[in-house]
C-alpha cells in the first residue's frame, strides 16, 4: 500500500509540474482505496513524506471502493 501511495504522489507531482505547480499548491486530495485499515496504517508517513512536512495542510478524505480500474491496484 505504501509503495503504491508513494507512486501516486510521484505521479501527482509530475502532473502538477505541467501547470508550474507543486504539492505546496495543493489544497485537497481524495484517496480511493480497497483496504481502509491498511491505507490508514501507511497514509500518515507517506503523506508527510510527500508534502515534506509533519502536518500536511491538505484536506484528505479517504473513500473505500469495491474495485479499482486495474486489479493490481490498491490505491
Protein backbone atom coordinates (compact mmCIF):
# COMPACT_ATOMS: atom_id res chain seq x y z
CA UNK A 1 0.00 0.00 0.00
CA UNK A 2 2.78 2.42 0.92
CA UNK A 3 4.68 1.86 -2.32
CA UNK A 4 1.58 2.45 -4.45
CA UNK A 5 0.73 5.56 -2.43
CA UNK A 6 4.25 6.92 -2.96
CA UNK A 7 3.90 6.29 -6.68
CA UNK A 8 0.58 8.16 -6.72
CA UNK A 9 2.21 11.17 -5.09
CA UNK A 10 5.15 10.97 -7.53
CA UNK A 11 2.72 10.88 -10.46
CA UNK A 12 0.74 13.79 -9.00
CA UNK A 13 3.97 15.77 -8.62
CA UNK A 14 4.76 15.28 -12.30
CA UNK A 15 1.22 16.25 -13.26
CA UNK A 16 1.39 19.42 -11.17
CA UNK A 17 4.64 20.39 -12.89
CA UNK A 18 2.73 20.62 -16.17
CA UNK A 19 0.92 23.58 -14.62
CA UNK A 20 4.02 25.06 -12.96
CA UNK A 21 2.65 23.95 -9.60
CA UNK A 22 3.83 21.73 -6.76
CA UNK A 23 2.50 19.97 -3.69
CA UNK A 24 2.73 23.33 -1.92
CA UNK A 25 -0.13 24.50 -4.15
CA UNK A 26 -2.41 21.56 -3.31
CA UNK A 27 -5.41 22.23 -1.07
CA UNK A 28 -7.04 18.83 -1.28
CA UNK A 29 -6.75 15.25 -2.39
CA UNK A 30 -9.14 12.31 -2.49
CA UNK A 31 -7.70 8.89 -1.75
CA UNK A 32 -9.62 5.87 -3.08
CA UNK A 33 -8.58 2.54 -1.54
CA UNK A 34 -9.62 -1.09 -1.33
CA UNK A 35 -8.46 -1.61 2.27
CA UNK A 36 -9.09 1.40 4.52
CA UNK A 37 -7.30 -0.16 7.51
CA UNK A 38 -4.11 -0.74 5.51
CA UNK A 39 -4.36 2.72 3.99
CA UNK A 40 -4.75 4.33 7.41
CA UNK A 41 -1.68 2.48 8.65
CA UNK A 42 0.51 3.83 5.84
CA UNK A 43 -1.17 7.14 4.99
CA UNK A 44 0.38 9.29 7.71
CA UNK A 45 4.04 8.63 7.00
CA UNK A 46 3.55 8.62 3.22
CA UNK A 47 1.62 11.93 3.24
CA UNK A 48 4.23 13.58 5.49
CA UNK A 49 6.95 12.38 3.13
CA UNK A 50 5.07 13.56 0.03
CA UNK A 51 4.34 17.02 1.38
CA UNK A 52 7.69 17.36 3.14
CA UNK A 53 6.23 18.39 6.49
CA UNK A 54 4.94 16.72 9.67
CA UNK A 55 1.49 18.29 9.35
CA UNK A 56 0.32 18.39 5.71
CA UNK A 57 -2.18 21.25 5.30
CA UNK A 58 -4.23 19.41 2.68
CA UNK A 59 -7.80 18.12 3.02
CA UNK A 60 -7.60 14.37 2.52
CA UNK A 61 -10.83 12.36 2.54
CA UNK A 62 -10.44 8.62 2.04
CA UNK A 63 -13.03 6.64 0.10
CA UNK A 64 -13.31 2.87 0.18
CA UNK A 65 -14.07 1.25 -3.15
CA UNK A 66 -15.01 -2.28 -4.13
CA UNK A 67 -12.77 -2.41 -7.18
CA UNK A 68 -10.01 -0.39 -8.84
CA UNK A 69 -9.57 0.42 -12.51
CA UNK A 70 -6.94 -2.35 -12.73
CA UNK A 71 -6.92 -5.44 -10.47
CA UNK A 72 -3.29 -4.96 -9.32
CA UNK A 73 -4.03 -1.51 -7.81
CA UNK A 74 -4.61 -0.97 -4.11
CA UNK A 75 -4.79 2.85 -4.22
